[in-house]
Amino acid sequence: MGVVLKYGGTSVASVDKILGIANHIQSLNIQEPMVIVVSAMGKMTDDLVSLARTLTDDLHQREVDTLLSIGEQKTIALMAMALKKVGLDAVSLTGAQAGFITTSTHTKGVIKDINIDKVNTYLREGKLVVVAGFQGMTESGDITTLGRGGSDTSAVALAAKLGYRCDIYTDVDGIYTVDPRLFPRAKKMDMISYTECMEMSLHGASVIETRAVELAKKYQVDLYIGRSLSKQGSGTRIMKDDYLFENKPITGIAVTDDIAMITLKGENQENQLVSRIFQAISDANINIDMISQNIDHLNQVVISFSMHHDDLRDFKQLTYNRKDLFEPLHVDMKDRLVKLSLIGVGMASHFGVASTVFTTLAKANIPFYHVSTSEISISCTIDSRDKSQAVERLAEVFNL
């Protein structure tokens, strides 16, 4: 078996850091085939978008992808040079050269397949292959990028195709039960299940992108998260869901800031109302979460859902543009909330978890609003001013 090593933007933010990684890889003396996937240096992707906006606010997505791909290409060339400097034979490949075939949705491409022939050719020659993450190419030859967290997805997808394990290195030393910036006494986890990791990422934990964990679970890729240049094995290993973890109901807490809650209420006059509303929201490319729908005692339909604050302006515009849908309804918008999500596969076998969560919040006089649940999570929205206290109380109660 070989290994894919992935380094994020903060890990390769300077030439000195890139050379440090090259020296570290050389010191590991790994005797198996190795592919290195890298992100753009530091904030270069953001800088490239800002550069484009100095020219125009009407950004053509195809050209944006062509521009953004420069970031990773810069890193792969420098990384290959650094590896050669420390005596390791390396070759750099863009996403397209590495065989990443994607859909044609620019800035949000999805990997359809990877032609690994060129990568395998270099690996058989004994070379380290340095691949640009975050990017690929359509079947018609256009450059595409994979959206937020795309380099993680590139690394895991390539590991799955090659049958390798995947180590993802970043600026944190593993996955914690709670963001240490919110709860300094949070514990680093040696192991976590695929499903728990996916759920934490989905609900705001930003250590690894959700799609990457989903791919790892689907193809059983051995996944590891650790700090760049750290001792191997000191981070967090992501394991199969049937692995027996500590006998506790909650593994961790994820926090999502800047949440808006929308509640729609009106007479229940037609069965297709809910369908039409959600279709309009989908057509407007607005992402929503925590959806609930019921009929109240007055036979009125009540629909609630959450969205990120950044989508709120688009939703307000939608209510104006689609008065046929929204004018008959009372629309209530509550902004600047925080979503707390408590996650754990042990929740399914422990009673009273929800009761403990809401009793803890009530004792601290912290009001909570919308609530949603799954088999392994409980999420609720609270006022942003209560975030620190709520996280601390819940982390203490569940020994996180």
Foldseek 3Di string as FASTA:
>chain_A
DEEEEEEEQDQQQDLVSLLVLLVLVVVVPDPGQYEYEYEFHHCVLVVQVVVVVVVHPPDDLLVNLVSSQVRLVVRQVSNQVSNVVVPAHEDEDEQARCAFEWDPPAQATDTPAGDRPVVVVVSVVVHHYYYYFQWYAHPVGGIHGRHPQRSLQVRLRVCLVVVHAYEYAYAAAADWQEPCVLPVVTDAAQEEELVLVLVQQVAADPQHHNNNSVSCQVSVHWYWYGHRSDDPSRYHTYHHPPDDDPLFQFRHKHKDWKKKKKKKKAAPDDPCLVVVVVVLCVVLVFDKALWDWDQDPVNMIMIMIMGGNVCVVSVVVSCVVPVVNRVRIDMDMDTGKMKMKTFGLSNLVDPDPVVVLVVLCVVVVWDWDRWDDDNTMIMIITHPVCVSVSRNSVCVVRVD
